Amino acid sequence: MHKDQQDDLYNKFKTKIELVAGECYRVNTALEASELVCNVLIEKGIKDVALLNSPISQKGDFVNLFEKKGIIVYTDNFRQVTPDAQAGITQVNYAIAELGSLVQADADVNQRLCSTLVPIHIALISTDKLIPTLKDTMATIHSLPEIPGFVGFITGPSRTSDIERVLTIGVHGPKQLVVVFVDEEVGGVA
């Protein structure tokens, strides 16, 4: 994909995710992502985070930077730590530009624990995994050698209006969603 096309898709995604109160950033490298995410955590007053290791977080050396800044980083025992962790960081598989949605296509339950049980979800994604449409995304998933045991779509912070038809944020998942696109190719997730 040409850089102009990628820029256009990113801008469409950013516009859509911001319409549903999500935050969206783009950096060149995994190290820049680490610095950005660390600053976001500090600005939001986050003292601990559940980090599901991924190619971006490992290449960006997230754990070392966060710990140097005094942030406690949990990298295992997610069933125990995510209900009380202040934030969770995962790397998602795809992003859909036309919807401003993220796609988790992974049977690993830790992916869901670190993205749904925390008040703030920080989603990392390689910019080259930005796909124009839902139709293109479904075709991509169906072309995988094996269809994942779980496919989930994330569009902004959790919201519901189940109770008296009043919109409430964060009842069934995170109250905040931060998406960080990384241009550097790091490999890994689908």
C-alpha atoms as a PDB file:
ATOM      1  CA  MET A   1       0.000   0.000   0.000  1.00  0.00           C
ATOM      2  CA  HIS A   2       1.298   3.478  -0.879  1.00  0.00           C
ATOM      3  CA  LYS A   3       1.988   5.946   1.921  1.00  0.00           C
ATOM      4  CA  ASP A   4      -0.756   8.304   0.643  1.00  0.00           C
ATOM      5  CA  GLN A   5      -3.322   5.494   0.808  1.00  0.00           C
ATOM      6  CA  GLN A   6      -2.140   4.528   4.286  1.00  0.00           C
ATOM      7  CA  ASP A   7      -2.350   8.161   5.437  1.00  0.00           C
ATOM      8  CA  ASP A   8      -5.892   8.422   4.051  1.00  0.00           C
ATOM      9  CA  LEU A   9      -6.994   5.223   5.802  1.00  0.00           C
ATOM     10  CA  TYR A  10      -5.413   6.378   9.071  1.00  0.00           C
ATOM     11  CA  ASN A  11      -7.196   9.742   8.873  1.00  0.00           C
ATOM     12  CA  LYS A  12     -10.539   8.010   8.231  1.00  0.00           C
ATOM     13  CA  PHE A  13      -9.959   5.660  11.187  1.00  0.00           C
ATOM     14  CA  LYS A  14      -8.905   8.522  13.480  1.00  0.00           C
ATOM     15  CA  THR A  15     -11.984  10.576  12.578  1.00  0.00           C
ATOM     16  CA  LYS A  16     -14.316   7.629  13.264  1.00  0.00           C
ATOM     17  CA  ILE A  17     -12.710   6.555  16.569  1.00  0.00           C
ATOM     18  CA  GLU A  18     -12.704  10.121  17.884  1.00  0.00           C
ATOM     19  CA  LEU A  19     -16.444  10.390  17.138  1.00  0.00           C
ATOM     20  CA  VAL A  20     -17.013   7.659  19.746  1.00  0.00           C
ATOM     21  CA  ALA A  21     -14.642   9.232  22.324  1.00  0.00           C
ATOM     22  CA  GLY A  22     -11.586   7.123  21.487  1.00  0.00           C
ATOM     23  CA  GLU A  23      -8.088   8.587  21.354  1.00  0.00           C
ATOM     24  CA  CYS A  24      -5.849   7.883  18.373  1.00  0.00           C
ATOM     25  CA  TYR A  25      -2.139   8.417  17.754  1.00  0.00           C
ATOM     26  CA  ARG A  26       0.413   7.417  15.139  1.00  0.00           C
ATOM     27  CA  VAL A  27       4.162   7.042  15.584  1.00  0.00           C
ATOM     28  CA  ASN A  28       7.027   5.876  13.396  1.00  0.00           C
ATOM     29  CA  THR A  29       8.698   3.289  15.656  1.00  0.00           C
ATOM     30  CA  ALA A  30       7.972   0.901  18.493  1.00  0.00           C
ATOM     31  CA  LEU A  31      10.309   2.943  20.725  1.00  0.00           C
ATOM     32  CA  GLU A  32       8.268   6.072  19.988  1.00  0.00           C
ATOM     33  CA  ALA A  33       5.134   4.074  20.829  1.00  0.00           C
ATOM     34  CA  SER A  34       6.660   3.112  24.166  1.00  0.00           C
ATOM     35  CA  GLU A  35       7.430   6.738  25.008  1.00  0.00           C
ATOM     36  CA  LEU A  36       3.974   7.900  23.890  1.00  0.00           C
ATOM     37  CA  VAL A  37       2.134   5.208  25.845  1.00  0.00           C
ATOM     38  CA  CYS A  38       4.259   5.892  28.928  1.00  0.00           C
ATOM     39  CA  ASN A  39       3.361   9.589  28.719  1.00  0.00           C
ATOM     40  CA  VAL A  40      -0.332   8.761  28.292  1.00  0.00           C
ATOM     41  CA  LEU A  41      -0.192   6.495  31.365  1.00  0.00           C
ATOM     42  CA  ILE A  42       1.507   9.206  33.422  1.00  0.00           C
ATOM     43  CA  GLU A  43      -0.958  11.899  32.235  1.00  0.00           C
ATOM     44  CA  LYS A  44      -3.885   9.675  33.219  1.00  0.00           C
ATOM     45  CA  GLY A  45      -2.340   8.931  36.629  1.00  0.00           C
ATOM     46  CA  ILE A  46      -1.935   5.214  35.940  1.00  0.00           C
ATOM     47  CA  LYS A  47       0.189   3.422  38.549  1.00  0.00           C
ATOM     48  CA  ASP A  48      -0.099  -0.145  37.202  1.00  0.00           C
ATOM     49  CA  VAL A  49      -0.801  -1.792  33.879  1.00  0.00           C
ATOM     50  CA  ALA A  50      -1.508  -5.293  32.558  1.00  0.00           C
ATOM     51  CA  LEU A  51       0.711  -5.674  29.485  1.00  0.00           C
ATOM     52  CA  LEU A  52       0.198  -8.597  27.138  1.00  0.00           C
ATOM     53  CA  ASN A  53       3.620  -8.884  25.507  1.00  0.00           C
ATOM     54  CA  SER A  54       3.559  -8.440  21.752  1.00  0.00           C
ATOM     55  CA  PRO A  55       6.014  -7.662  18.953  1.00  0.00           C
ATOM     56  CA  ILE A  56       5.452  -3.897  19.331  1.00  0.00           C
ATOM     57  CA  SER A  57       5.746  -3.859  23.138  1.00  0.00           C
ATOM     58  CA  GLN A  58       8.843  -6.037  23.069  1.00  0.00           C
ATOM     59  CA  LYS A  59      10.614  -4.076  20.327  1.00  0.00           C
ATOM     60  CA  GLY A  60       9.659  -0.838  22.092  1.00  0.00           C
ATOM     61  CA  ASP A  61      10.968  -2.161  25.439  1.00  0.00           C
ATOM     62  CA  PHE A  62       7.739  -1.067  27.141  1.00  0.00           C
ATOM     63  CA  VAL A  63       8.379  -2.936  30.411  1.00  0.00           C
ATOM     64  CA  ASN A  64      11.755  -1.305  31.105  1.00  0.00           C
ATOM     65  CA  LEU A  65      10.592   2.214  30.271  1.00  0.00           C
ATOM     66  CA  PHE A  66       7.410   1.933  32.339  1.00  0.00           C
ATOM     67  CA  GLU A  67       9.234   0.478  35.337  1.00  0.00           C
ATOM     68  CA  LYS A  68      11.859   3.267  35.147  1.00  0.00           C
ATOM     69  CA  LYS A  69       8.967   5.737  35.407  1.00  0.00           C
ATOM     70  CA  GLY A  70       7.563   3.952  38.474  1.00  0.00           C
ATOM     71  CA  ILE A  71       4.676   2.159  36.759  1.00  0.00           C
ATOM     72  CA  ILE A  72       4.082  -1.413  37.931  1.00  0.00           C
ATOM     73  CA  VAL A  73       3.837  -3.755  34.931  1.00  0.00           C
ATOM     74  CA  TYR A  74       2.019  -7.100  35.099  1.00  0.00           C
ATOM     75  CA  THR A  75       2.946  -9.492  32.279  1.00  0.00           C
ATOM     76  CA  ASP A  76       1.279 -12.696  33.489  1.00  0.00           C
ATOM     77  CA  ASN A  77      -1.428 -14.035  35.848  1.00  0.00           C
ATOM     78  CA  PHE A  78      -3.944 -11.881  33.978  1.00  0.00           C
ATOM     79  CA  ARG A  79      -6.986 -13.570  35.530  1.00  0.00           C
ATOM     80  CA  GLN A  80      -5.792 -12.315  38.908  1.00  0.00           C
ATOM     81  CA  VAL A  81      -4.398  -8.872  37.980  1.00  0.00           C
ATOM     82  CA  THR A  82      -6.727  -7.461  35.298  1.00  0.00           C
ATOM     83  CA  PRO A  83      -9.786  -6.932  37.531  1.00  0.00           C
ATOM     84  CA  ASP A  84      -7.726  -4.467  39.605  1.00  0.00           C
ATOM     85  CA  ALA A  85      -5.232  -3.130  37.033  1.00  0.00           C
ATOM     86  CA  GLN A  86      -5.738   0.505  36.070  1.00  0.00           C
ATOM     87  CA  ALA A  87      -5.017  -0.106  32.376  1.00  0.00           C
ATOM     88  CA  GLY A  88      -4.367  -2.880  29.884  1.00  0.00           C
ATOM     89  CA  ILE A  89      -2.171  -2.900  26.791  1.00  0.00           C
ATOM     90  CA  THR A  90      -2.632  -5.321  23.898  1.00  0.00           C
ATOM     91  CA  GLN A  91      -1.645  -5.504  20.254  1.00  0.00           C
ATOM     92  CA  VAL A  92      -4.698  -5.987  18.057  1.00  0.00           C
ATOM     93  CA  ASN A  93      -4.718  -7.744  14.704  1.00  0.00           C
ATOM     94  CA  TYR A  94      -6.482  -5.299  12.398  1.00  0.00           C
ATOM     95  CA  ALA A  95      -8.151  -1.895  12.238  1.00  0.00           C
ATOM     96  CA  ILE A  96     -11.078  -1.033   9.955  1.00  0.00           C
ATOM     97  CA  ALA A  97     -10.824   2.494   8.548  1.00  0.00           C
ATOM     98  CA  GLU A  98     -14.470   2.918   7.496  1.00  0.00           C
ATOM     99  CA  LEU A  99     -15.743   2.059  11.005  1.00  0.00           C
ATOM    100  CA  GLY A 100     -12.975   3.199  13.331  1.00  0.00           C
ATOM    101  CA  SER A 101     -13.043  -0.322  14.756  1.00  0.00           C
ATOM    102  CA  LEU A 102     -10.294  -2.625  15.983  1.00  0.00           C
ATOM    103  CA  VAL A 103     -10.289  -6.376  15.432  1.00  0.00           C
ATOM    104  CA  GLN A 104      -9.034  -8.984  17.869  1.00  0.00           C
ATOM    105  CA  ALA A 105      -8.661 -12.273  16.013  1.00  0.00           C
ATOM    106  CA  ASP A 106      -7.056 -14.519  18.590  1.00  0.00           C
ATOM    107  CA  ALA A 107      -8.199 -17.401  20.761  1.00  0.00           C
ATOM    108  CA  ASP A 108      -5.885 -16.279  23.623  1.00  0.00           C
ATOM    109  CA  VAL A 109      -8.165 -15.330  26.524  1.00  0.00           C
ATOM    110  CA  ASN A 110      -5.436 -13.031  27.888  1.00  0.00           C
ATOM    111  CA  GLN A 111      -6.019 -10.733  24.911  1.00  0.00           C
ATOM    112  CA  ARG A 112      -9.609 -10.234  26.050  1.00  0.00           C
ATOM    113  CA  LEU A 113      -8.748  -9.983  29.758  1.00  0.00           C
ATOM    114  CA  CYS A 114      -6.237  -7.183  29.130  1.00  0.00           C
ATOM    115  CA  SER A 115      -8.633  -5.296  26.861  1.00  0.00           C
ATOM    116  CA  THR A 116     -12.007  -5.638  28.590  1.00  0.00           C
ATOM    117  CA  LEU A 117     -11.557  -5.941  32.355  1.00  0.00           C
ATOM    118  CA  VAL A 118      -9.517  -2.747  32.701  1.00  0.00           C
ATOM    119  CA  PRO A 119     -10.823   0.837  32.851  1.00  0.00           C
ATOM    120  CA  ILE A 120      -8.420   1.981  30.115  1.00  0.00           C
ATOM    121  CA  HIS A 121      -7.469  -0.140  27.100  1.00  0.00           C
ATOM    122  CA  ILE A 122      -4.427   0.887  25.083  1.00  0.00           C
ATOM    123  CA  ALA A 123      -4.446  -0.906  21.746  1.00  0.00           C
ATOM    124  CA  LEU A 124      -1.258  -1.139  19.717  1.00  0.00           C
ATOM    125  CA  ILE A 125      -1.446  -1.872  16.015  1.00  0.00           C
ATOM    126  CA  SER A 126       0.921  -1.971  13.065  1.00  0.00           C
ATOM    127  CA  THR A 127      -0.200   0.655  10.566  1.00  0.00           C
ATOM    128  CA  ASP A 128       0.087  -1.920   7.774  1.00  0.00           C
ATOM    129  CA  LYS A 129      -2.804  -3.819   9.402  1.00  0.00           C
ATOM    130  CA  LEU A 130      -5.204  -0.944   8.659  1.00  0.00           C
ATOM    131  CA  ILE A 131      -7.849  -2.258   6.254  1.00  0.00           C
ATOM    132  CA  PRO A 132     -10.289  -0.042   4.287  1.00  0.00           C
ATOM    133  CA  THR A 133     -13.635  -1.782   4.889  1.00  0.00           C
ATOM    134  CA  LEU A 134     -15.425  -4.386   6.969  1.00  0.00           C
ATOM    135  CA  LYS A 135     -15.875  -6.468   3.811  1.00  0.00           C
ATOM    136  CA  ASP A 136     -12.102  -6.404   3.171  1.00  0.00           C
ATOM    137  CA  THR A 137     -11.473  -7.317   6.815  1.00  0.00           C
ATOM    138  CA  MET A 138     -13.787 -10.330   6.665  1.00  0.00           C
ATOM    139  CA  ALA A 139     -12.073 -11.478   3.447  1.00  0.00           C
ATOM    140  CA  THR A 140      -8.696 -11.114   5.192  1.00  0.00           C
ATOM    141  CA  ILE A 141      -9.839 -13.183   8.173  1.00  0.00           C
ATOM    142  CA  HIS A 142     -11.346 -15.849   5.921  1.00  0.00           C
ATOM    143  CA  SER A 143      -8.093 -16.088   3.961  1.00  0.00           C
ATOM    144  CA  LEU A 144      -6.063 -16.962   7.078  1.00  0.00           C
ATOM    145  CA  PRO A 145      -4.711 -20.533   7.155  1.00  0.00           C
ATOM    146  CA  GLU A 146      -6.956 -21.147  10.166  1.00  0.00           C
ATOM    147  CA  ILE A 147      -9.891 -19.000  11.226  1.00  0.00           C
ATOM    148  CA  PRO A 148      -9.233 -17.851  14.819  1.00  0.00           C
ATOM    149  CA  GLY A 149     -11.255 -19.298  17.690  1.00  0.00           C
ATOM    150  CA  PHE A 150     -12.340 -15.776  18.616  1.00  0.00           C
ATOM    151  CA  VAL A 151     -12.921 -12.635  16.576  1.00  0.00           C
ATOM    152  CA  GLY A 152     -14.003  -9.492  18.395  1.00  0.00           C
ATOM    153  CA  PHE A 153     -14.621  -5.928  17.224  1.00  0.00           C
ATOM    154  CA  ILE A 154     -13.847  -2.919  19.412  1.00  0.00           C
ATOM    155  CA  THR A 155     -15.328   0.466  18.549  1.00  0.00           C
ATOM    156  CA  GLY A 156     -14.495   3.068  21.182  1.00  0.00           C
ATOM    157  CA  PRO A 157     -14.966   2.828  24.934  1.00  0.00           C
ATOM    158  CA  SER A 158     -17.634   0.435  26.211  1.00  0.00           C
ATOM    159  CA  ARG A 159     -21.080   1.959  26.067  1.00  0.00           C
ATOM    160  CA  THR A 160     -24.590   0.854  26.822  1.00  0.00           C
ATOM    161  CA  SER A 161     -28.028   2.336  27.270  1.00  0.00           C
ATOM    162  CA  ASP A 162     -29.605  -0.782  28.776  1.00  0.00           C
ATOM    163  CA  ILE A 163     -30.704   1.017  31.923  1.00  0.00           C
ATOM    164  CA  GLU A 164     -33.602   3.420  31.327  1.00  0.00           C
ATOM    165  CA  ARG A 165     -32.135   4.100  27.859  1.00  0.00           C
ATOM    166  CA  VAL A 166     -29.505   6.371  29.396  1.00  0.00           C
ATOM    167  CA  LEU A 167     -26.069   6.186  27.784  1.00  0.00           C
ATOM    168  CA  THR A 168     -23.465   4.923  30.237  1.00  0.00           C
ATOM    169  CA  ILE A 169     -19.761   4.567  29.432  1.00  0.00           C
ATOM    170  CA  GLY A 170     -17.614   1.752  30.824  1.00  0.00           C
ATOM    171  CA  VAL A 171     -20.218  -0.644  32.220  1.00  0.00           C
ATOM    172  CA  HIS A 172     -19.307  -3.689  30.120  1.00  0.00           C
ATOM    173  CA  GLY A 173     -15.675  -2.811  29.428  1.00  0.00           C
ATOM    174  CA  PRO A 174     -13.146   0.019  29.408  1.00  0.00           C
ATOM    175  CA  LYS A 175     -14.204   3.627  29.964  1.00  0.00           C
ATOM    176  CA  GLN A 176     -11.363   4.821  27.739  1.00  0.00           C
ATOM    177  CA  LEU A 177      -9.770   3.485  24.556  1.00  0.00           C
ATOM    178  CA  VAL A 178      -6.409   4.704  23.276  1.00  0.00           C
ATOM    179  CA  VAL A 179      -5.206   3.434  19.887  1.00  0.00           C
ATOM    180  CA  VAL A 180      -1.553   3.715  18.846  1.00  0.00           C
ATOM    181  CA  PHE A 181      -0.580   2.980  15.250  1.00  0.00           C
ATOM    182  CA  VAL A 182       3.071   2.081  14.645  1.00  0.00           C
ATOM    183  CA  ASP A 183       4.486   2.548  11.133  1.00  0.00           C
ATOM    184  CA  GLU A 184       7.621   0.453  11.718  1.00  0.00           C
ATOM    185  CA  GLU A 185       7.226  -3.175  10.648  1.00  0.00           C
ATOM    186  CA  VAL A 186       7.670  -5.379  13.684  1.00  0.00           C
ATOM    187  CA  GLY A 187       5.967  -8.582  12.565  1.00  0.00           C
ATOM    188  CA  GLY A 188       3.938 -10.821  14.799  1.00  0.00           C
ATOM    189  CA  VAL A 189       0.191 -10.547  15.247  1.00  0.00           C
ATOM    190  CA  ALA A 190      -1.759 -12.102  12.326  1.00  0.00           C
END
